[in-house]
Structures are given as structure tokens and as C-alpha cells.
Amino acid sequence: MNVRQPRYSKEEFARRGNVLYEAHIRPRIEMVNWGKVVAIDIETGAFEVDDTPIVATNRLYERYPNAQPWVIRIGDRFLYRFGSRSLK
């Protein structure tokens, strides 16, 4: 099994991932994929969309074995939420 190591700091991952998503990917996919997850290779700009982060990331790794994936939920700022939230 190939051990993948991050090549960037957490801050650089976030910066690159968000820039690619906002500038190139979001306008193309947001309306028809709302609520799904996109895995973005922060080095190539390649991406995969799916309902779950694992499937999207695995498909990205199939295409780009050395990918550095940034994962975000389409139409939301957060992939997951922790804690309680109001039912109202």
C-alpha cells in the first residue's frame, strides 16, 4: 500500500483548495450538485464529485495517485458540523 504524505501546511491546503473551488470549480458544478462533496487536487485542479468524501477522494486517487486532495461540501462552508444545532 502506498503511504501518502501531505506536502503542504494545513493553511496552504485550505488556501489553495478554496481558491481553486471558488475560481474554477464552483461556477461549473454548484447548481446541479448542491449538497454533494467535491474532492479537489490542489496541485492539478482536477476534481471528483460524489455523495461522500471517501468515494470522491478514492476516485481522485484513481486518476491521480499522488493527489493532494482538499474536500468541501458544495453549497456549504463546512464538510461536517459538530455539536447541536437548533431544530427551528
PDB file of N, CA and C in Angstrom:
ATOM      1  N   MET A   1       0.839  -1.171   0.000  1.00  0.00           N
ATOM      2  CA  MET A   1       0.000   0.000   0.000  1.00  0.00           C
ATOM      3  C   MET A   1       0.890   1.243   0.000  1.00  0.00           C
ATOM      4  N   ASN A   2       0.515   2.205  -0.772  1.00  0.00           N
ATOM      5  CA  ASN A   2       1.265   3.447  -0.903  1.00  0.00           C
ATOM      6  C   ASN A   2       0.875   4.408   0.225  1.00  0.00           C
ATOM      7  N   VAL A   3       1.866   4.890   0.985  1.00  0.00           N
ATOM      8  CA  VAL A   3       1.613   5.832   2.064  1.00  0.00           C
ATOM      9  C   VAL A   3       1.701   7.245   1.498  1.00  0.00           C
ATOM     10  N   ARG A   4       0.602   7.976   1.613  1.00  0.00           N
ATOM     11  CA  ARG A   4       0.557   9.344   1.085  1.00  0.00           C
ATOM     12  C   ARG A   4       0.870  10.323   2.194  1.00  0.00           C
ATOM     13  N   GLN A   5       1.716  11.293   1.889  1.00  0.00           N
ATOM     14  CA  GLN A   5       2.104  12.302   2.858  1.00  0.00           C
ATOM     15  C   GLN A   5       1.710  13.684   2.345  1.00  0.00           C
ATOM     16  N   PRO A   6       1.194  14.545   3.207  1.00  0.00           N
ATOM     17  CA  PRO A   6       0.898  15.916   2.784  1.00  0.00           C
ATOM     18  C   PRO A   6       2.197  16.655   2.465  1.00  0.00           C
ATOM     19  N   ARG A   7       2.153  17.449   1.416  1.00  0.00           N
ATOM     20  CA  ARG A   7       3.323  18.227   1.016  1.00  0.00           C
ATOM     21  C   ARG A   7       3.171  19.708   1.344  1.00  0.00           C
ATOM     22  N   TYR A   8       2.066  20.063   1.977  1.00  0.00           N
ATOM     23  CA  TYR A   8       1.775  21.463   2.283  1.00  0.00           C
ATOM     24  C   TYR A   8       1.262  21.575   3.708  1.00  0.00           C
ATOM     25  N   SER A   9       1.360  22.761   4.268  1.00  0.00           N
ATOM     26  CA  SER A   9       0.791  23.003   5.594  1.00  0.00           C
ATOM     27  C   SER A   9      -0.736  23.004   5.496  1.00  0.00           C
ATOM     28  N   LYS A  10      -1.406  22.901   6.633  1.00  0.00           N
ATOM     29  CA  LYS A  10      -2.869  22.942   6.659  1.00  0.00           C
ATOM     30  C   LYS A  10      -3.390  24.255   6.079  1.00  0.00           C
ATOM     31  N   GLU A  11      -2.713  25.331   6.393  1.00  0.00           N
ATOM     32  CA  GLU A  11      -3.129  26.651   5.898  1.00  0.00           C
ATOM     33  C   GLU A  11      -2.994  26.741   4.381  1.00  0.00           C
ATOM     34  N   GLU A  12      -1.903  26.183   3.845  1.00  0.00           N
ATOM     35  CA  GLU A  12      -1.692  26.212   2.393  1.00  0.00           C
ATOM     36  C   GLU A  12      -2.701  25.314   1.681  1.00  0.00           C
ATOM     37  N   PHE A  13      -3.015  24.149   2.271  1.00  0.00           N
ATOM     38  CA  PHE A  13      -4.059  23.285   1.726  1.00  0.00           C
ATOM     39  C   PHE A  13      -5.360  24.063   1.601  1.00  0.00           C
ATOM     40  N   ALA A  14      -5.767  24.690   2.699  1.00  0.00           N
ATOM     41  CA  ALA A  14      -7.032  25.431   2.721  1.00  0.00           C
ATOM     42  C   ALA A  14      -7.026  26.567   1.717  1.00  0.00           C
ATOM     43  N   ARG A  15      -5.950  27.318   1.656  1.00  0.00           N
ATOM     44  CA  ARG A  15      -5.872  28.448   0.740  1.00  0.00           C
ATOM     45  C   ARG A  15      -5.987  27.982  -0.708  1.00  0.00           C
ATOM     46  N   ARG A  16      -5.173  27.002  -1.080  1.00  0.00           N
ATOM     47  CA  ARG A  16      -5.199  26.501  -2.462  1.00  0.00           C
ATOM     48  C   ARG A  16      -6.548  25.877  -2.817  1.00  0.00           C
ATOM     49  N   GLY A  17      -7.065  25.053  -1.911  1.00  0.00           N
ATOM     50  CA  GLY A  17      -8.347  24.395  -2.164  1.00  0.00           C
ATOM     51  C   GLY A  17      -9.476  25.385  -2.350  1.00  0.00           C
ATOM     52  N   ASN A  18      -9.545  26.375  -1.480  1.00  0.00           N
ATOM     53  CA  ASN A  18     -10.614  27.369  -1.577  1.00  0.00           C
ATOM     54  C   ASN A  18     -10.476  28.241  -2.818  1.00  0.00           C
ATOM     55  N   VAL A  19      -9.264  28.612  -3.185  1.00  0.00           N
ATOM     56  CA  VAL A  19      -9.058  29.415  -4.394  1.00  0.00           C
ATOM     57  C   VAL A  19      -9.504  28.637  -5.629  1.00  0.00           C
ATOM     58  N   LEU A  20      -9.084  27.377  -5.741  1.00  0.00           N
ATOM     59  CA  LEU A  20      -9.493  26.561  -6.892  1.00  0.00           C
ATOM     60  C   LEU A  20     -11.004  26.374  -6.932  1.00  0.00           C
ATOM     61  N   TYR A  21     -11.596  26.092  -5.774  1.00  0.00           N
ATOM     62  CA  TYR A  21     -13.037  25.880  -5.731  1.00  0.00           C
ATOM     63  C   TYR A  21     -13.805  27.127  -6.149  1.00  0.00           C
ATOM     64  N   GLU A  22     -13.478  28.253  -5.565  1.00  0.00           N
ATOM     65  CA  GLU A  22     -14.214  29.490  -5.850  1.00  0.00           C
ATOM     66  C   GLU A  22     -14.004  29.978  -7.283  1.00  0.00           C
ATOM     67  N   ALA A  23     -12.794  29.898  -7.786  1.00  0.00           N
ATOM     68  CA  ALA A  23     -12.483  30.481  -9.096  1.00  0.00           C
ATOM     69  C   ALA A  23     -12.837  29.577 -10.271  1.00  0.00           C
ATOM     70  N   HIS A  24     -12.655  28.274 -10.132  1.00  0.00           N
ATOM     71  CA  HIS A  24     -12.770  27.401 -11.303  1.00  0.00           C
ATOM     72  C   HIS A  24     -13.850  26.320 -11.213  1.00  0.00           C
ATOM     73  N   ILE A  25     -14.087  25.821 -10.019  1.00  0.00           N
ATOM     74  CA  ILE A  25     -14.950  24.645  -9.900  1.00  0.00           C
ATOM     75  C   ILE A  25     -16.381  25.014  -9.526  1.00  0.00           C
ATOM     76  N   ARG A  26     -16.550  25.861  -8.545  1.00  0.00           N
ATOM     77  CA  ARG A  26     -17.884  26.218  -8.062  1.00  0.00           C
ATOM     78  C   ARG A  26     -18.823  26.697  -9.171  1.00  0.00           C
ATOM     79  N   PRO A  27     -18.404  27.613 -10.044  1.00  0.00           N
ATOM     80  CA  PRO A  27     -19.337  28.077 -11.074  1.00  0.00           C
ATOM     81  C   PRO A  27     -19.805  26.965 -12.024  1.00  0.00           C
ATOM     82  N   ARG A  28     -19.006  25.934 -12.195  1.00  0.00           N
ATOM     83  CA  ARG A  28     -19.338  24.852 -13.127  1.00  0.00           C
ATOM     84  C   ARG A  28     -20.237  23.782 -12.532  1.00  0.00           C
ATOM     85  N   ILE A  29     -20.179  23.574 -11.202  1.00  0.00           N
ATOM     86  CA  ILE A  29     -20.848  22.404 -10.636  1.00  0.00           C
ATOM     87  C   ILE A  29     -21.899  22.694  -9.573  1.00  0.00           C
ATOM     88  N   GLU A  30     -21.935  23.896  -9.024  1.00  0.00           N
ATOM     89  CA  GLU A  30     -22.743  24.140  -7.828  1.00  0.00           C
ATOM     90  C   GLU A  30     -24.239  23.887  -8.019  1.00  0.00           C
ATOM     91  N   MET A  31     -24.833  24.370  -9.061  1.00  0.00           N
ATOM     92  CA  MET A  31     -26.290  24.296  -9.200  1.00  0.00           C
ATOM     93  C   MET A  31     -26.817  22.867  -9.300  1.00  0.00           C
ATOM     94  N   VAL A  32     -26.121  21.981  -9.989  1.00  0.00           N
ATOM     95  CA  VAL A  32     -26.633  20.620 -10.179  1.00  0.00           C
ATOM     96  C   VAL A  32     -26.114  19.626  -9.142  1.00  0.00           C
ATOM     97  N   ASN A  33     -25.181  20.048  -8.304  1.00  0.00           N
ATOM     98  CA  ASN A  33     -24.590  19.136  -7.318  1.00  0.00           C
ATOM     99  C   ASN A  33     -24.710  19.646  -5.886  1.00  0.00           C
ATOM    100  N   TRP A  34     -25.679  20.496  -5.616  1.00  0.00           N
ATOM    101  CA  TRP A  34     -25.841  21.110  -4.299  1.00  0.00           C
ATOM    102  C   TRP A  34     -25.916  20.035  -3.208  1.00  0.00           C
ATOM    103  N   GLY A  35     -25.110  20.176  -2.172  1.00  0.00           N
ATOM    104  CA  GLY A  35     -25.113  19.246  -1.055  1.00  0.00           C
ATOM    105  C   GLY A  35     -24.170  18.072  -1.201  1.00  0.00           C
ATOM    106  N   LYS A  36     -23.642  17.860  -2.387  1.00  0.00           N
ATOM    107  CA  LYS A  36     -22.682  16.779  -2.592  1.00  0.00           C
ATOM    108  C   LYS A  36     -21.292  17.250  -2.149  1.00  0.00           C
ATOM    109  N   VAL A  37     -20.313  16.385  -2.307  1.00  0.00           N
ATOM    110  CA  VAL A  37     -18.944  16.661  -1.876  1.00  0.00           C
ATOM    111  C   VAL A  37     -18.032  16.681  -3.092  1.00  0.00           C
ATOM    112  N   VAL A  38     -17.091  17.622  -3.106  1.00  0.00           N
ATOM    113  CA  VAL A  38     -16.097  17.669  -4.173  1.00  0.00           C
ATOM    114  C   VAL A  38     -14.718  17.499  -3.556  1.00  0.00           C
ATOM    115  N   ALA A  39     -13.918  16.591  -4.140  1.00  0.00           N
ATOM    116  CA  ALA A  39     -12.522  16.401  -3.753  1.00  0.00           C
ATOM    117  C   ALA A  39     -11.670  17.037  -4.844  1.00  0.00           C
ATOM    118  N   ILE A  40     -10.815  17.974  -4.462  1.00  0.00           N
ATOM    119  CA  ILE A  40     -10.013  18.751  -5.411  1.00  0.00           C
ATOM    120  C   ILE A  40      -8.539  18.470  -5.175  1.00  0.00           C
ATOM    121  N   ASP A  41      -7.812  18.138  -6.242  1.00  0.00           N
ATOM    122  CA  ASP A  41      -6.355  18.022  -6.141  1.00  0.00           C
ATOM    123  C   ASP A  41      -5.795  19.437  -6.187  1.00  0.00           C
ATOM    124  N   ILE A  42      -5.182  19.890  -5.100  1.00  0.00           N
ATOM    125  CA  ILE A  42      -4.735  21.282  -5.012  1.00  0.00           C
ATOM    126  C   ILE A  42      -3.533  21.577  -5.900  1.00  0.00           C
ATOM    127  N   GLU A  43      -2.924  20.534  -6.486  1.00  0.00           N
ATOM    128  CA  GLU A  43      -1.787  20.759  -7.381  1.00  0.00           C
ATOM    129  C   GLU A  43      -2.213  20.841  -8.846  1.00  0.00           C
ATOM    130  N   THR A  44      -3.159  20.007  -9.258  1.00  0.00           N
ATOM    131  CA  THR A  44      -3.553  19.973 -10.671  1.00  0.00           C
ATOM    132  C   THR A  44      -4.879  20.674 -10.948  1.00  0.00           C
ATOM    133  N   GLY A  45      -5.715  20.834  -9.927  1.00  0.00           N
ATOM    134  CA  GLY A  45      -7.046  21.402 -10.125  1.00  0.00           C
ATOM    135  C   GLY A  45      -8.071  20.370 -10.547  1.00  0.00           C
ATOM    136  N   ALA A  46      -7.659  19.098 -10.686  1.00  0.00           N
ATOM    137  CA  ALA A  46      -8.598  18.033 -11.022  1.00  0.00           C
ATOM    138  C   ALA A  46      -9.545  17.827  -9.846  1.00  0.00           C
ATOM    139  N   PHE A  47     -10.768  17.385 -10.128  1.00  0.00           N
ATOM    140  CA  PHE A  47     -11.733  17.182  -9.051  1.00  0.00           C
ATOM    141  C   PHE A  47     -12.687  16.052  -9.373  1.00  0.00           C
ATOM    142  N   GLU A  48     -13.302  15.522  -8.313  1.00  0.00           N
ATOM    143  CA  GLU A  48     -14.325  14.485  -8.410  1.00  0.00           C
ATOM    144  C   GLU A  48     -15.466  14.865  -7.489  1.00  0.00           C
ATOM    145  N   VAL A  49     -16.692  14.627  -7.922  1.00  0.00           N
ATOM    146  CA  VAL A  49     -17.895  14.937  -7.147  1.00  0.00           C
ATOM    147  C   VAL A  49     -18.609  13.634  -6.809  1.00  0.00           C
ATOM    148  N   ASP A  50     -19.061  13.528  -5.557  1.00  0.00           N
ATOM    149  CA  ASP A  50     -19.836  12.362  -5.143  1.00  0.00           C
ATOM    150  C   ASP A  50     -20.647  12.728  -3.900  1.00  0.00           C
ATOM    151  N   ASP A  51     -21.445  11.775  -3.424  1.00  0.00           N
ATOM    152  CA  ASP A  51     -22.244  12.000  -2.220  1.00  0.00           C
ATOM    153  C   ASP A  51     -21.406  11.915  -0.953  1.00  0.00           C
ATOM    154  N   THR A  52     -20.300  11.172  -0.985  1.00  0.00           N
ATOM    155  CA  THR A  52     -19.464  11.007   0.207  1.00  0.00           C
ATOM    156  C   THR A  52     -18.019  11.400  -0.078  1.00  0.00           C
ATOM    157  N   PRO A  53     -17.320  11.882   0.937  1.00  0.00           N
ATOM    158  CA  PRO A  53     -15.919  12.281   0.745  1.00  0.00           C
ATOM    159  C   PRO A  53     -15.006  11.113   0.400  1.00  0.00           C
ATOM    160  N   ILE A  54     -15.266   9.938   0.952  1.00  0.00           N
ATOM    161  CA  ILE A  54     -14.414   8.777   0.697  1.00  0.00           C
ATOM    162  C   ILE A  54     -14.458   8.389  -0.778  1.00  0.00           C
ATOM    163  N   VAL A  55     -15.647   8.293  -1.342  1.00  0.00           N
ATOM    164  CA  VAL A  55     -15.784   7.892  -2.746  1.00  0.00           C
ATOM    165  C   VAL A  55     -15.172   8.940  -3.663  1.00  0.00           C
ATOM    166  N   ALA A  56     -15.439  10.217  -3.404  1.00  0.00           N
ATOM    167  CA  ALA A  56     -14.881  11.286  -4.240  1.00  0.00           C
ATOM    168  C   ALA A  56     -13.354  11.275  -4.178  1.00  0.00           C
ATOM    169  N   THR A  57     -12.797  11.123  -2.987  1.00  0.00           N
ATOM    170  CA  THR A  57     -11.344  11.114  -2.833  1.00  0.00           C
ATOM    171  C   THR A  57     -10.726   9.875  -3.473  1.00  0.00           C
ATOM    172  N   ASN A  58     -11.346   8.721  -3.298  1.00  0.00           N
ATOM    173  CA  ASN A  58     -10.821   7.500  -3.917  1.00  0.00           C
ATOM    174  C   ASN A  58     -10.809   7.593  -5.441  1.00  0.00           C
ATOM    175  N   ARG A  59     -11.860   8.160  -6.014  1.00  0.00           N
ATOM    176  CA  ARG A  59     -11.885   8.327  -7.474  1.00  0.00           C
ATOM    177  C   ARG A  59     -10.804   9.294  -7.933  1.00  0.00           C
ATOM    178  N   LEU A  60     -10.558  10.342  -7.147  1.00  0.00           N
ATOM    179  CA  LEU A  60      -9.486  11.278  -7.475  1.00  0.00           C
ATOM    180  C   LEU A  60      -8.138  10.571  -7.422  1.00  0.00           C
ATOM    181  N   TYR A  61      -7.916   9.735  -6.405  1.00  0.00           N
ATOM    182  CA  TYR A  61      -6.670   8.975  -6.299  1.00  0.00           C
ATOM    183  C   TYR A  61      -6.499   7.981  -7.445  1.00  0.00           C
ATOM    184  N   GLU A  62      -7.601   7.436  -7.961  1.00  0.00           N
ATOM    185  CA  GLU A  62      -7.508   6.531  -9.103  1.00  0.00           C
ATOM    186  C   GLU A  62      -6.949   7.259 -10.325  1.00  0.00           C
ATOM    187  N   ARG A  63      -7.375   8.496 -10.516  1.00  0.00           N
ATOM    188  CA  ARG A  63      -6.898   9.290 -11.654  1.00  0.00           C
ATOM    189  C   ARG A  63      -5.517   9.880 -11.412  1.00  0.00           C
ATOM    190  N   TYR A  64      -5.287  10.333 -10.175  1.00  0.00           N
ATOM    191  CA  TYR A  64      -4.030  10.988  -9.795  1.00  0.00           C
ATOM    192  C   TYR A  64      -3.519  10.362  -8.502  1.00  0.00           C
ATOM    193  N   PRO A  65      -2.710   9.323  -8.595  1.00  0.00           N
ATOM    194  CA  PRO A  65      -2.256   8.609  -7.389  1.00  0.00           C
ATOM    195  C   PRO A  65      -1.516   9.483  -6.376  1.00  0.00           C
ATOM    196  N   ASN A  66      -0.892  10.552  -6.805  1.00  0.00           N
ATOM    197  CA  ASN A  66      -0.161  11.427  -5.893  1.00  0.00           C
ATOM    198  C   ASN A  66      -0.926  12.709  -5.573  1.00  0.00           C
ATOM    199  N   ALA A  67      -2.232  12.671  -5.721  1.00  0.00           N
ATOM    200  CA  ALA A  67      -3.064  13.862  -5.486  1.00  0.00           C
ATOM    201  C   ALA A  67      -2.938  14.336  -4.047  1.00  0.00           C
ATOM    202  N   GLN A  68      -3.130  15.630  -3.879  1.00  0.00           N
ATOM    203  CA  GLN A  68      -3.187  16.266  -2.566  1.00  0.00           C
ATOM    204  C   GLN A  68      -4.619  16.812  -2.434  1.00  0.00           C
ATOM    205  N   PRO A  69      -5.581  15.981  -1.954  1.00  0.00           N
ATOM    206  CA  PRO A  69      -6.997  16.353  -2.017  1.00  0.00           C
ATOM    207  C   PRO A  69      -7.459  17.310  -0.917  1.00  0.00           C
ATOM    208  N   TRP A  70      -8.244  18.282  -1.350  1.00  0.00           N
ATOM    209  CA  TRP A  70      -8.976  19.189  -0.464  1.00  0.00           C
ATOM    210  C   TRP A  70     -10.441  18.868  -0.698  1.00  0.00           C
ATOM    211  N   VAL A  71     -11.206  18.632   0.374  1.00  0.00           N
ATOM    212  CA  VAL A  71     -12.594  18.200   0.244  1.00  0.00           C
ATOM    213  C   VAL A  71     -13.503  19.258   0.850  1.00  0.00           C
ATOM    214  N   ILE A  72     -14.572  19.576   0.124  1.00  0.00           N
ATOM    215  CA  ILE A  72     -15.530  20.585   0.582  1.00  0.00           C
ATOM    216  C   ILE A  72     -16.936  20.175   0.136  1.00  0.00           C
ATOM    217  N   ARG A  73     -17.937  20.523   0.952  1.00  0.00           N
ATOM    218  CA  ARG A  73     -19.332  20.266   0.578  1.00  0.00           C
ATOM    219  C   ARG A  73     -19.806  21.401  -0.321  1.00  0.00           C
ATOM    220  N   ILE A  74     -20.423  21.049  -1.425  1.00  0.00           N
ATOM    221  CA  ILE A  74     -20.885  22.030  -2.406  1.00  0.00           C
ATOM    222  C   ILE A  74     -22.084  22.783  -1.832  1.00  0.00           C
ATOM    223  N   GLY A  75     -21.973  24.106  -1.805  1.00  0.00           N
ATOM    224  CA  GLY A  75     -23.047  24.951  -1.301  1.00  0.00           C
ATOM    225  C   GLY A  75     -22.990  25.196   0.188  1.00  0.00           C
ATOM    226  N   ASP A  76     -21.925  24.761   0.852  1.00  0.00           N
ATOM    227  CA  ASP A  76     -21.800  24.943   2.293  1.00  0.00           C
ATOM    228  C   ASP A  76     -20.347  25.259   2.621  1.00  0.00           C
ATOM    229  N   ARG A  77     -20.122  25.951   3.717  1.00  0.00           N
ATOM    230  CA  ARG A  77     -18.759  26.283   4.121  1.00  0.00           C
ATOM    231  C   ARG A  77     -18.074  25.133   4.830  1.00  0.00           C
ATOM    232  N   PHE A  78     -18.864  24.157   5.309  1.00  0.00           N
ATOM    233  CA  PHE A  78     -18.325  23.094   6.134  1.00  0.00           C
ATOM    234  C   PHE A  78     -18.637  21.730   5.539  1.00  0.00           C
ATOM    235  N   LEU A  79     -17.703  20.809   5.663  1.00  0.00           N
ATOM    236  CA  LEU A  79     -17.953  19.436   5.241  1.00  0.00           C
ATOM    237  C   LEU A  79     -18.816  18.729   6.277  1.00  0.00           C
ATOM    238  N   TYR A  80     -18.475  18.901   7.558  1.00  0.00           N
ATOM    239  CA  TYR A  80     -19.233  18.314   8.664  1.00  0.00           C
ATOM    240  C   TYR A  80     -19.512  19.384   9.704  1.00  0.00           C
ATOM    241  N   ARG A  81     -20.557  19.180  10.493  1.00  0.00           N
ATOM    242  CA  ARG A  81     -20.871  20.037  11.621  1.00  0.00           C
ATOM    243  C   ARG A  81     -20.778  19.209  12.889  1.00  0.00           C
ATOM    244  N   PHE A  82     -20.243  19.822  13.927  1.00  0.00           N
ATOM    245  CA  PHE A  82     -20.131  19.150  15.220  1.00  0.00           C
ATOM    246  C   PHE A  82     -21.024  19.869  16.227  1.00  0.00           C
ATOM    247  N   GLY A  83     -21.560  19.115  17.155  1.00  0.00           N
ATOM    248  CA  GLY A  83     -22.386  19.705  18.188  1.00  0.00           C
ATOM    249  C   GLY A  83     -23.837  19.818  17.760  1.00  0.00           C
ATOM    250  N   SER A  84     -24.618  20.402  18.635  1.00  0.00           N
ATOM    251  CA  SER A  84     -26.043  20.512  18.371  1.00  0.00           C
ATOM    252  C   SER A  84     -26.353  21.790  17.586  1.00  0.00           C
ATOM    253  N   ARG A  85     -27.492  21.772  16.961  1.00  0.00           N
ATOM    254  CA  ARG A  85     -27.993  22.983  16.314  1.00  0.00           C
ATOM    255  C   ARG A  85     -29.497  23.027  16.485  1.00  0.00           C
ATOM    256  N   SER A  86     -30.049  24.187  16.396  1.00  0.00           N
ATOM    257  CA  SER A  86     -31.464  24.402  16.650  1.00  0.00           C
ATOM    258  C   SER A  86     -32.317  23.648  15.643  1.00  0.00           C
ATOM    259  N   LEU A  87     -33.437  23.139  16.095  1.00  0.00           N
ATOM    260  CA  LEU A  87     -34.387  22.460  15.225  1.00  0.00           C
ATOM    261  C   LEU A  87     -35.389  23.420  14.617  1.00  0.00           C
ATOM    262  N   LYS A  88     -35.303  24.698  14.978  1.00  0.00           N
ATOM    263  CA  LYS A  88     -36.231  25.702  14.452  1.00  0.00           C
ATOM    264  C   LYS A  88     -35.919  26.020  13.026  1.00  0.00           C
TER     265      LYS A  88
END
